[in-house]
N, C-alpha and C. Protein backbone atom coordinates (compact mmCIF):
# COMPACT_ATOMS: atom_id res chain seq x y z
N MET A 1 0.71 -1.23 0.24
CA MET A 1 -0.15 0.06 -0.03
C MET A 1 0.75 1.14 -0.07
N ARG A 2 2.00 1.04 0.71
CA ARG A 2 2.86 2.52 0.65
C ARG A 2 3.37 2.60 -0.58
N PHE A 3 3.63 1.58 -1.41
CA PHE A 3 4.30 1.88 -2.67
C PHE A 3 3.30 2.79 -3.73
N LEU A 4 1.96 2.25 -3.71
CA LEU A 4 0.94 2.62 -4.37
C LEU A 4 0.84 4.31 -3.92
N SER A 5 0.73 4.46 -2.48
CA SER A 5 0.66 6.00 -2.08
C SER A 5 1.71 6.57 -2.48
N ALA A 6 3.01 6.26 -2.35
CA ALA A 6 4.21 7.13 -2.96
C ALA A 6 3.88 7.28 -4.47
N LEU A 7 3.44 6.22 -5.13
CA LEU A 7 3.41 6.65 -6.77
C LEU A 7 2.39 7.31 -7.03
N THR A 8 1.55 7.40 -6.24
CA THR A 8 0.20 8.24 -6.32
C THR A 8 0.68 9.89 -6.04
N LEU A 9 1.53 10.01 -5.18
CA LEU A 9 2.17 11.29 -4.64
C LEU A 9 2.87 11.80 -5.78
N CYS A 10 3.68 10.90 -6.35
CA CYS A 10 4.84 11.41 -7.42
C CYS A 10 4.11 11.48 -8.60
N LEU A 11 3.07 11.09 -8.83
CA LEU A 11 2.25 11.07 -10.18
C LEU A 11 1.54 12.75 -10.13
N LEU A 12 0.98 12.83 -8.71
CA LEU A 12 -0.03 14.20 -8.55
C LEU A 12 1.11 15.33 -8.48
N ALA A 13 2.31 15.18 -7.90
CA ALA A 13 3.13 16.17 -7.85
C ALA A 13 3.67 16.63 -9.43
N SER A 14 3.73 15.57 -10.13
CA SER A 14 4.41 15.62 -11.46
C SER A 14 3.02 16.34 -12.29
N SER A 15 1.88 16.22 -11.95
CA SER A 15 0.82 16.55 -12.53
C SER A 15 0.55 18.14 -12.46
N CYS A 16 0.59 18.45 -11.03
CA CYS A 16 0.50 19.80 -10.77
C CYS A 16 1.47 20.51 -11.05
N ALA A 17 2.72 20.25 -11.00
CA ALA A 17 3.90 21.05 -11.04
C ALA A 17 4.37 21.40 -12.69
N SER A 18 3.72 19.93 -13.47
CA SER A 18 3.95 20.39 -14.94
C SER A 18 3.20 21.31 -15.75
N ALA A 19 1.86 21.33 -15.21
CA ALA A 19 1.12 22.18 -16.13
C ALA A 19 0.15 23.18 -15.27
N PRO A 20 0.56 24.28 -15.05
CA PRO A 20 0.06 25.36 -14.58
C PRO A 20 -1.18 25.68 -15.38
N GLY A 21 -2.47 25.76 -15.16
CA GLY A 21 -3.57 26.22 -15.95
C GLY A 21 -3.82 24.99 -16.92
N GLY A 22 -2.89 24.24 -17.41
CA GLY A 22 -3.38 23.37 -18.53
C GLY A 22 -3.92 21.93 -17.92
N LEU A 23 -3.57 21.35 -16.91
CA LEU A 23 -4.15 20.12 -16.53
C LEU A 23 -5.28 20.31 -15.05
N ALA A 24 -4.96 21.77 -14.49
CA ALA A 24 -5.69 21.79 -13.45
C ALA A 24 -7.15 21.80 -13.84
N SER A 25 -7.70 22.26 -14.82
CA SER A 25 -8.97 22.23 -15.18
C SER A 25 -9.61 21.15 -15.56
N GLN A 26 -8.66 19.82 -15.75
CA GLN A 26 -9.36 18.66 -16.19
C GLN A 26 -9.49 17.82 -14.97
N ALA A 27 -10.63 17.08 -15.32
CA ALA A 27 -11.35 16.45 -14.00
C ALA A 27 -10.31 15.08 -13.74
N SER A 28 -10.27 14.59 -12.63
CA SER A 28 -9.76 13.46 -12.34
C SER A 28 -10.53 12.34 -11.96
N THR A 29 -10.48 11.27 -12.36
CA THR A 29 -11.42 10.14 -11.94
C THR A 29 -10.57 9.40 -10.92
N PRO A 30 -10.97 9.34 -9.60
CA PRO A 30 -10.60 8.45 -8.62
C PRO A 30 -10.90 6.72 -8.99
N ARG A 31 -9.88 6.33 -8.97
CA ARG A 31 -10.37 4.79 -9.02
C ARG A 31 -9.45 3.86 -7.95
N THR A 32 -10.12 2.63 -7.46
CA THR A 32 -9.54 2.02 -6.34
C THR A 32 -9.17 0.41 -7.12
N LEU A 33 -7.69 0.09 -6.80
CA LEU A 33 -7.45 -1.06 -7.48
C LEU A 33 -7.29 -1.86 -5.99
N ASP A 34 -7.50 -3.24 -6.22
CA ASP A 34 -7.12 -4.19 -5.11
C ASP A 34 -6.06 -4.83 -5.58
N MET A 35 -4.79 -4.57 -4.69
CA MET A 35 -3.30 -5.22 -5.41
C MET A 35 -3.44 -6.31 -4.76
N SER A 36 -4.14 -7.43 -4.10
CA SER A 36 -3.72 -8.47 -3.61
C SER A 36 -2.55 -8.76 -2.66
N GLY A 37 -3.19 -8.19 -1.43
CA GLY A 37 -2.21 -8.29 -0.28
C GLY A 37 -1.78 -6.70 0.03
N ALA A 38 -1.89 -5.85 -0.72
CA ALA A 38 -1.69 -4.59 -0.51
C ALA A 38 -2.67 -3.65 -0.09
N GLY A 39 -3.76 -4.42 0.26
CA GLY A 39 -5.27 -3.53 0.58
C GLY A 39 -5.91 -2.75 -0.55
N ASN A 40 -6.63 -1.92 -0.32
CA ASN A 40 -7.11 -1.15 -1.65
C ASN A 40 -6.73 0.01 -1.29
N VAL A 41 -6.29 0.59 -2.42
CA VAL A 41 -5.82 1.94 -2.60
C VAL A 41 -6.24 2.85 -3.33
N SER A 42 -6.37 3.95 -3.44
CA SER A 42 -6.72 5.15 -4.48
C SER A 42 -5.88 5.74 -5.20
N LEU A 43 -6.02 5.62 -6.52
CA LEU A 43 -5.18 6.13 -7.59
C LEU A 43 -5.87 7.19 -8.17
N THR A 44 -5.41 8.28 -8.50
CA THR A 44 -6.07 9.55 -9.31
C THR A 44 -5.35 9.36 -10.46
N TYR A 45 -6.11 9.12 -11.72
CA TYR A 45 -5.73 9.11 -13.04
C TYR A 45 -6.04 10.53 -13.54
N ARG A 46 -5.20 10.99 -14.20
CA ARG A 46 -5.05 12.65 -14.93
C ARG A 46 -6.01 12.70 -16.21
N SER A 47 -6.10 11.74 -16.64
CA SER A 47 -7.08 11.55 -17.98
C SER A 47 -7.74 10.14 -18.17
N GLU A 48 -8.59 10.12 -19.31
CA GLU A 48 -9.21 8.77 -19.63
C GLU A 48 -8.18 8.00 -20.04
N GLY A 49 -7.23 8.40 -20.88
CA GLY A 49 -6.13 7.44 -21.50
C GLY A 49 -4.88 7.09 -20.94
N SER A 50 -5.11 7.87 -19.77
CA SER A 50 -3.98 7.48 -18.81
C SER A 50 -4.14 6.27 -17.81
N HIS A 51 -3.43 5.35 -18.06
CA HIS A 51 -3.80 4.05 -17.11
C HIS A 51 -2.58 3.42 -16.80
N ALA A 52 -2.59 2.60 -15.75
CA ALA A 52 -1.28 1.94 -15.37
C ALA A 52 -1.29 0.45 -16.09
N ARG A 53 -0.20 0.23 -16.23
CA ARG A 53 0.01 -1.62 -16.78
C ARG A 53 0.48 -2.19 -15.63
N THR A 54 -0.04 -3.43 -15.29
CA THR A 54 0.00 -4.08 -14.32
C THR A 54 0.50 -5.74 -14.85
N PHE A 55 1.54 -5.94 -14.49
CA PHE A 55 2.04 -7.44 -14.89
C PHE A 55 2.46 -8.42 -13.69
N ALA A 56 2.79 -9.53 -13.73
CA ALA A 56 3.50 -10.22 -12.80
C ALA A 56 4.57 -10.73 -13.63
N LEU A 57 5.67 -10.94 -12.72
CA LEU A 57 7.07 -11.13 -13.10
C LEU A 57 7.35 -12.42 -11.97
N ASN A 58 7.68 -13.60 -12.60
CA ASN A 58 8.01 -14.90 -11.65
C ASN A 58 9.52 -14.60 -11.16
N ALA A 59 9.84 -13.59 -10.25
CA ALA A 59 10.94 -13.15 -9.79
C ALA A 59 10.68 -12.71 -8.27
N PRO A 60 11.60 -12.65 -7.54
CA PRO A 60 11.30 -12.09 -6.31
C PRO A 60 11.34 -10.53 -6.08
N VAL A 61 10.69 -9.84 -5.39
CA VAL A 61 10.94 -8.33 -5.57
C VAL A 61 12.05 -7.89 -5.52
N ASP A 62 12.95 -8.32 -4.52
CA ASP A 62 14.40 -7.64 -4.26
C ASP A 62 14.97 -7.78 -5.66
N LYS A 63 14.97 -8.86 -6.34
CA LYS A 63 15.65 -8.98 -7.78
C LYS A 63 15.19 -8.05 -8.68
N VAL A 64 13.81 -7.82 -8.92
CA VAL A 64 13.26 -7.05 -9.86
C VAL A 64 13.82 -5.69 -9.29
N TRP A 65 13.68 -5.30 -8.32
CA TRP A 65 14.15 -3.94 -7.81
C TRP A 65 15.56 -3.55 -8.21
N THR A 66 16.62 -4.32 -8.12
CA THR A 66 17.91 -4.53 -8.57
C THR A 66 18.14 -4.24 -9.92
N ALA A 67 16.75 -4.61 -10.65
CA ALA A 67 16.83 -4.79 -12.35
C ALA A 67 16.14 -3.51 -12.81
N LEU A 68 15.51 -2.62 -12.14
CA LEU A 68 14.90 -1.46 -12.53
C LEU A 68 16.15 -0.36 -13.05
N PRO A 69 17.11 -0.08 -12.34
CA PRO A 69 18.14 0.68 -12.75
C PRO A 69 18.43 0.58 -14.26
N ASP A 70 18.86 -0.81 -14.62
CA ASP A 70 19.34 -1.21 -15.66
C ASP A 70 18.17 -0.91 -16.64
N VAL A 71 16.98 -1.41 -16.63
CA VAL A 71 16.08 -1.24 -17.48
C VAL A 71 16.03 0.38 -17.78
N PHE A 72 15.81 1.02 -16.98
CA PHE A 72 15.69 2.43 -17.09
C PHE A 72 16.93 2.92 -17.98
N ARG A 73 18.35 2.60 -17.92
CA ARG A 73 19.40 3.02 -18.33
C ARG A 73 19.30 2.59 -19.72
N LEU A 74 18.64 1.32 -20.21
CA LEU A 74 18.75 0.81 -21.55
C LEU A 74 17.67 2.03 -22.25
N LEU A 75 16.71 2.65 -21.72
CA LEU A 75 15.66 3.21 -22.23
C LEU A 75 15.99 4.79 -22.38
N GLU A 76 17.07 5.02 -21.63
CA GLU A 76 17.82 6.33 -21.93
C GLU A 76 16.81 7.41 -20.81
N VAL A 77 16.50 6.72 -19.80
CA VAL A 77 15.70 7.56 -18.77
C VAL A 77 16.30 7.44 -17.46
N GLU A 78 16.70 8.94 -17.06
CA GLU A 78 17.18 8.84 -15.74
C GLU A 78 16.34 8.99 -14.45
N ALA A 79 16.49 8.15 -13.53
CA ALA A 79 15.82 8.04 -12.40
C ALA A 79 15.73 9.28 -11.75
N GLY A 80 14.51 9.66 -11.54
CA GLY A 80 14.21 10.86 -10.36
C GLY A 80 13.77 10.87 -9.35
N VAL A 81 13.06 9.37 -9.12
CA VAL A 81 12.69 8.80 -7.99
C VAL A 81 13.09 7.54 -7.80
N VAL A 82 13.93 7.35 -6.55
CA VAL A 82 14.24 6.07 -6.14
C VAL A 82 14.02 5.68 -4.75
N ASN A 83 12.87 5.23 -4.44
CA ASN A 83 12.23 4.79 -2.89
C ASN A 83 12.35 3.42 -2.95
N SER A 84 13.27 2.84 -2.12
CA SER A 84 13.49 1.56 -1.87
C SER A 84 12.57 0.96 -0.89
N SER A 85 12.35 1.70 -0.08
CA SER A 85 11.26 1.17 0.90
C SER A 85 9.98 0.82 0.50
N ASP A 86 9.39 1.90 -0.41
CA ASP A 86 8.09 1.76 -1.11
C ASP A 86 8.13 1.06 -2.53
N ARG A 87 9.53 0.85 -2.89
CA ARG A 87 9.72 0.30 -4.21
C ARG A 87 9.13 0.97 -5.38
N VAL A 88 9.37 2.21 -5.42
CA VAL A 88 8.94 3.14 -6.36
C VAL A 88 10.10 3.50 -7.35
N PHE A 89 10.26 3.47 -8.36
CA PHE A 89 11.26 3.97 -9.30
C PHE A 89 11.02 4.53 -10.53
N GLY A 90 11.45 5.62 -10.98
CA GLY A 90 11.22 6.29 -12.22
C GLY A 90 11.59 7.80 -12.32
N ASN A 91 10.95 8.44 -13.37
CA ASN A 91 11.14 9.93 -13.27
C ASN A 91 9.65 10.48 -13.38
N PRO A 92 9.23 11.20 -12.49
CA PRO A 92 7.74 11.67 -12.65
C PRO A 92 8.26 13.17 -13.44
N ASN A 93 9.40 13.58 -13.86
CA ASN A 93 9.65 14.97 -14.30
C ASN A 93 10.46 15.15 -15.42
N LEU A 94 10.41 13.84 -16.39
CA LEU A 94 11.22 13.79 -17.54
C LEU A 94 10.70 14.65 -18.52
N ARG A 95 11.71 15.62 -19.04
CA ARG A 95 11.70 16.44 -20.33
C ARG A 95 12.43 15.74 -21.27
N VAL A 96 11.54 15.55 -22.49
CA VAL A 96 12.11 15.03 -23.74
C VAL A 96 11.85 15.67 -24.65
N ARG A 97 12.77 16.09 -25.56
CA ARG A 97 12.83 16.49 -26.84
C ARG A 97 13.69 15.85 -27.94
N GLY A 98 13.10 15.26 -28.81
CA GLY A 98 13.79 14.58 -29.79
C GLY A 98 13.67 12.98 -29.60
N ARG A 99 14.45 12.39 -28.87
CA ARG A 99 14.24 10.85 -29.02
C ARG A 99 14.07 10.32 -27.62
N LEU A 100 13.77 9.17 -27.53
CA LEU A 100 13.13 8.65 -26.34
C LEU A 100 13.45 7.09 -26.44
N ALA A 101 14.19 6.44 -25.58
CA ALA A 101 14.63 5.01 -25.74
C ALA A 101 15.07 4.89 -27.51
N GLY A 102 15.77 5.62 -27.98
CA GLY A 102 16.23 5.32 -29.15
C GLY A 102 14.95 5.69 -30.38
N THR A 103 14.10 6.06 -29.98
CA THR A 103 12.98 6.26 -31.15
C THR A 103 12.31 7.76 -30.93
N ARG A 104 11.52 7.71 -31.74
CA ARG A 104 10.77 9.09 -31.69
C ARG A 104 9.60 9.00 -30.50
N PRO A 105 9.38 9.99 -29.59
CA PRO A 105 8.18 10.02 -28.68
C PRO A 105 7.13 9.82 -28.99
N SER A 106 6.63 10.08 -30.33
CA SER A 106 5.31 9.86 -30.95
C SER A 106 4.81 8.17 -30.84
N GLU A 107 6.02 7.51 -30.70
CA GLU A 107 5.81 6.11 -30.70
C GLU A 107 5.24 5.56 -29.37
N PHE A 108 5.34 6.35 -28.42
CA PHE A 108 5.05 5.96 -27.16
C PHE A 108 3.84 6.73 -26.37
N LEU A 109 3.72 8.04 -27.18
CA LEU A 109 2.63 9.05 -26.54
C LEU A 109 1.69 9.51 -27.68
N ASP A 110 0.64 9.73 -27.47
CA ASP A 110 -0.22 10.43 -28.93
C ASP A 110 -0.83 11.60 -27.88
N CYS A 111 -0.41 12.83 -28.31
CA CYS A 111 -0.88 13.94 -27.94
C CYS A 111 -1.58 14.56 -28.83
N GLY A 112 -1.97 14.13 -29.91
CA GLY A 112 -2.88 15.04 -30.98
C GLY A 112 -1.68 15.37 -31.99
N LYS A 113 -2.68 16.34 -33.00
CA LYS A 113 -1.71 16.68 -33.96
C LYS A 113 -1.89 18.41 -34.12
N ASN A 114 -0.98 18.92 -34.77
CA ASN A 114 -0.95 20.21 -34.74
C ASN A 114 -1.80 20.56 -36.19
N PRO A 115 -2.00 21.90 -36.16
CA PRO A 115 -2.86 22.04 -37.81
C PRO A 115 -2.32 21.64 -38.94
N ILE A 116 -1.37 21.16 -39.10
CA ILE A 116 -0.89 20.61 -40.74
C ILE A 116 -0.79 18.96 -40.35
N GLY A 117 -1.27 18.29 -39.22
CA GLY A 117 -1.32 16.96 -39.27
C GLY A 117 -0.27 16.50 -38.68
N VAL A 118 0.79 16.85 -38.08
CA VAL A 118 2.01 16.38 -37.68
C VAL A 118 1.79 16.27 -36.19
N PRO A 119 2.22 14.81 -35.41
CA PRO A 119 1.96 14.48 -34.44
C PRO A 119 2.62 15.68 -33.24
N LEU A 120 2.02 15.99 -32.30
CA LEU A 120 2.55 16.93 -31.34
C LEU A 120 3.93 16.13 -30.70
N ALA A 121 3.92 14.98 -30.30
CA ALA A 121 4.82 14.18 -29.46
C ALA A 121 6.22 13.92 -30.51
N ALA A 122 5.94 14.23 -31.89
CA ALA A 122 6.99 14.06 -32.70
C ALA A 122 8.04 15.54 -32.77
N ASN A 123 7.40 16.57 -32.47
CA ASN A 123 8.18 17.85 -32.65
C ASN A 123 8.05 18.55 -31.64
N GLU A 124 7.44 18.47 -30.36
CA GLU A 124 7.26 19.62 -29.48
C GLU A 124 7.85 18.96 -28.25
N PRO A 125 8.22 20.01 -27.59
CA PRO A 125 8.84 19.75 -26.28
C PRO A 125 7.78 18.79 -25.18
N LEU A 126 8.16 17.59 -24.58
CA LEU A 126 7.34 17.10 -23.74
C LEU A 126 7.76 17.02 -22.53
N GLN A 127 6.78 16.81 -21.41
CA GLN A 127 7.29 16.47 -20.24
C GLN A 127 6.42 15.20 -19.76
N MET A 128 7.25 14.26 -19.40
CA MET A 128 6.70 12.96 -19.07
C MET A 128 6.82 12.51 -17.48
N SER A 129 6.13 11.69 -17.22
CA SER A 129 6.21 10.57 -16.03
C SER A 129 6.29 9.27 -16.37
N ILE A 130 7.37 8.69 -15.88
CA ILE A 130 7.43 7.14 -16.43
C ILE A 130 7.96 6.75 -14.92
N MET A 131 6.77 5.69 -14.23
CA MET A 131 7.06 5.47 -12.77
C MET A 131 6.80 4.13 -12.99
N THR A 132 7.55 3.31 -11.83
CA THR A 132 7.28 1.75 -11.89
C THR A 132 6.99 1.48 -10.29
N GLY A 133 6.21 0.84 -10.01
CA GLY A 133 6.25 0.25 -8.61
C GLY A 133 5.99 -1.16 -8.55
N LEU A 134 6.50 -1.76 -7.38
CA LEU A 134 6.64 -3.34 -7.32
C LEU A 134 5.77 -3.46 -6.05
N VAL A 135 5.34 -4.63 -6.16
CA VAL A 135 4.64 -5.38 -4.86
C VAL A 135 4.87 -6.56 -4.94
N PRO A 136 5.33 -7.03 -3.87
CA PRO A 136 5.68 -8.56 -3.79
C PRO A 136 4.36 -9.33 -3.71
N ALA A 137 4.10 -10.56 -4.09
CA ALA A 137 2.97 -11.32 -4.70
C ALA A 137 3.39 -13.01 -3.66
N SER A 138 2.60 -13.82 -3.70
CA SER A 138 3.04 -14.92 -3.52
C SER A 138 3.93 -15.77 -4.19
N ASP A 139 4.77 -16.70 -3.65
CA ASP A 139 5.53 -17.65 -4.13
C ASP A 139 6.53 -17.08 -4.84
N GLY A 140 7.28 -16.04 -4.77
CA GLY A 140 8.30 -15.43 -5.45
C GLY A 140 8.07 -14.50 -6.58
N VAL A 141 6.63 -14.32 -6.46
CA VAL A 141 6.16 -13.40 -7.73
C VAL A 141 6.11 -12.11 -7.54
N THR A 142 6.62 -10.83 -8.28
CA THR A 142 6.40 -9.68 -8.23
C THR A 142 5.38 -9.14 -9.01
N ARG A 143 4.38 -8.22 -8.74
CA ARG A 143 3.74 -7.67 -9.31
C ARG A 143 4.01 -6.17 -9.77
N VAL A 144 4.28 -5.90 -10.84
CA VAL A 144 5.02 -4.71 -11.46
C VAL A 144 3.95 -3.66 -12.01
N GLU A 145 4.00 -2.40 -11.55
CA GLU A 145 2.92 -1.52 -12.13
C GLU A 145 3.71 -0.33 -12.97
N VAL A 146 3.38 -0.23 -14.03
CA VAL A 146 4.01 0.91 -14.81
C VAL A 146 3.12 1.84 -15.37
N LYS A 147 3.45 3.32 -15.09
CA LYS A 147 2.52 4.09 -15.36
C LYS A 147 3.31 5.08 -16.14
N VAL A 148 2.71 5.72 -17.51
CA VAL A 148 3.45 6.46 -18.35
C VAL A 148 2.23 7.77 -18.53
N GLN A 149 2.43 8.94 -18.41
CA GLN A 149 1.85 10.11 -18.60
C GLN A 149 2.71 11.06 -19.61
N GLY A 150 2.13 12.02 -20.07
CA GLY A 150 2.66 13.09 -20.80
C GLY A 150 1.88 14.23 -21.36
N LEU A 151 2.66 15.39 -21.10
CA LEU A 151 2.26 16.65 -21.58
C LEU A 151 3.01 17.33 -22.74
N ALA A 152 2.55 17.74 -23.57
CA ALA A 152 3.15 18.16 -24.98
C ALA A 152 3.02 19.94 -25.08
N THR A 153 4.05 20.58 -25.11
CA THR A 153 3.71 22.03 -24.99
C THR A 153 4.13 22.54 -26.46
N SER A 154 3.47 23.52 -27.01
CA SER A 154 3.49 23.94 -28.39
C SER A 154 4.61 25.13 -28.27
N GLY A 155 5.68 25.17 -28.98
CA GLY A 155 6.60 26.00 -28.98
C GLY A 155 6.06 27.33 -29.57
N ALA A 156 5.08 27.44 -30.56
CA ALA A 156 4.64 28.49 -31.09
C ALA A 156 3.42 29.19 -30.29
N THR A 157 2.68 28.46 -29.56
CA THR A 157 1.85 29.22 -28.69
C THR A 157 1.74 28.94 -27.45
N SER A 158 2.60 28.08 -26.84
CA SER A 158 3.08 27.59 -25.67
C SER A 158 1.35 26.99 -24.87
N ALA A 159 0.54 26.65 -25.72
CA ALA A 159 -0.57 25.80 -25.37
C ALA A 159 -0.10 24.32 -24.94
N GLN A 160 -0.75 23.70 -24.16
CA GLN A 160 -0.50 22.50 -23.68
C GLN A 160 -1.58 21.49 -24.10
N ALA A 161 -1.06 20.32 -24.47
CA ALA A 161 -1.88 19.19 -24.50
C ALA A 161 -1.85 17.72 -23.75
N SER A 162 -2.88 17.40 -23.05
CA SER A 162 -2.46 15.99 -22.36
C SER A 162 -2.24 15.19 -23.41
N CYS A 163 -1.30 14.11 -23.07
CA CYS A 163 -1.05 12.94 -23.73
C CYS A 163 -1.22 11.62 -23.18
N THR A 164 -1.87 10.71 -24.33
CA THR A 164 -2.29 9.37 -23.45
C THR A 164 -1.04 8.51 -24.29
N THR A 165 -0.84 7.26 -23.19
CA THR A 165 0.12 6.35 -23.76
C THR A 165 -0.36 5.38 -25.02
N THR A 166 0.80 4.92 -25.71
CA THR A 166 0.17 3.99 -26.74
C THR A 166 0.22 2.87 -26.23
N GLY A 167 1.03 2.23 -25.33
CA GLY A 167 1.42 1.15 -24.61
C GLY A 167 2.65 0.48 -24.84
N ARG A 168 3.25 1.39 -25.96
CA ARG A 168 4.67 0.66 -26.26
C ARG A 168 5.70 0.77 -25.46
N LEU A 169 5.76 2.03 -24.51
CA LEU A 169 6.87 2.14 -23.56
C LEU A 169 6.55 1.01 -22.67
N GLU A 170 5.17 0.96 -22.38
CA GLU A 170 5.18 0.02 -21.17
C GLU A 170 5.31 -1.53 -21.52
N ASP A 171 5.21 -1.69 -22.89
CA ASP A 171 5.52 -3.13 -23.57
C ASP A 171 7.12 -3.18 -23.38
N ARG A 172 7.78 -2.10 -23.72
CA ARG A 172 9.24 -2.39 -23.55
C ARG A 172 9.77 -2.67 -22.51
N ILE A 173 9.13 -1.80 -21.34
CA ILE A 173 9.56 -2.09 -20.10
C ILE A 173 9.39 -3.59 -19.44
N GLN A 174 8.24 -3.93 -20.05
CA GLN A 174 7.71 -5.35 -19.51
C GLN A 174 8.67 -6.20 -20.32
N GLU A 175 8.94 -6.30 -21.51
CA GLU A 175 9.81 -6.94 -22.17
C GLU A 175 11.18 -7.15 -21.71
N LEU A 176 11.84 -5.73 -21.50
CA LEU A 176 13.34 -5.92 -20.75
C LEU A 176 13.31 -6.78 -19.40
N LEU A 177 12.17 -6.63 -18.86
CA LEU A 177 12.36 -7.31 -17.41
C LEU A 177 12.06 -8.82 -17.58
N PHE A 178 11.16 -8.93 -18.52
CA PHE A 178 10.99 -10.44 -18.75
C PHE A 178 12.46 -11.32 -19.41
N ALA A 179 12.91 -10.52 -20.15
CA ALA A 179 14.18 -10.88 -20.96
C ALA A 179 15.40 -11.15 -19.47
N ARG A 180 15.15 -10.26 -18.80
CA ARG A 180 16.12 -10.35 -17.71
C ARG A 180 15.86 -11.72 -16.88
N PHE A 181 15.00 -11.91 -16.61
CA PHE A 181 14.37 -13.00 -15.70
C PHE A 181 14.14 -14.34 -16.39
N SER A 182 14.21 -14.29 -17.45
CA SER A 182 13.79 -15.48 -18.40
C SER A 182 15.03 -16.32 -18.52
N GLU A 183 16.17 -15.63 -18.28
CA GLU A 183 17.55 -16.57 -18.34
C GLU A 183 17.67 -17.60 -17.36
């Protein structure tokens, strides 16, 4: 439960700090998740397209925790939050322009398009939150939760657009972790 509380705080802090006037007007929809053993916790999601990816990994939580820095390094994402007691790892305030994990950010986020039809995530500065939390489950299994959010800011008008995840970055994190523990 502590992991999710810390994850929620990180995500809320990044949402509030990142979008003066932009996201404050959007309604958040609180949802409750049962994390099997972690109790019921409340997570606040910023938009309908924002959701957490949860998957089980057949490895002890301590081993998965030690693998997270390597996964983020391979994705070229510097850790901004490393909370070992709550097992929360990631960067709630990542600034991206150009490439992310070796590819265009528009592969990972959909922020809409500019007036001439070019994806905003392809050319505009992005502020992202990429957070991962771990919850130990039974028999050496670890539940991994990955949450990706983004905000694009138009260089021409300073207008902000909330982004939704395509799921590809979450897929990549899951693939890297599975590869690490399938050996």
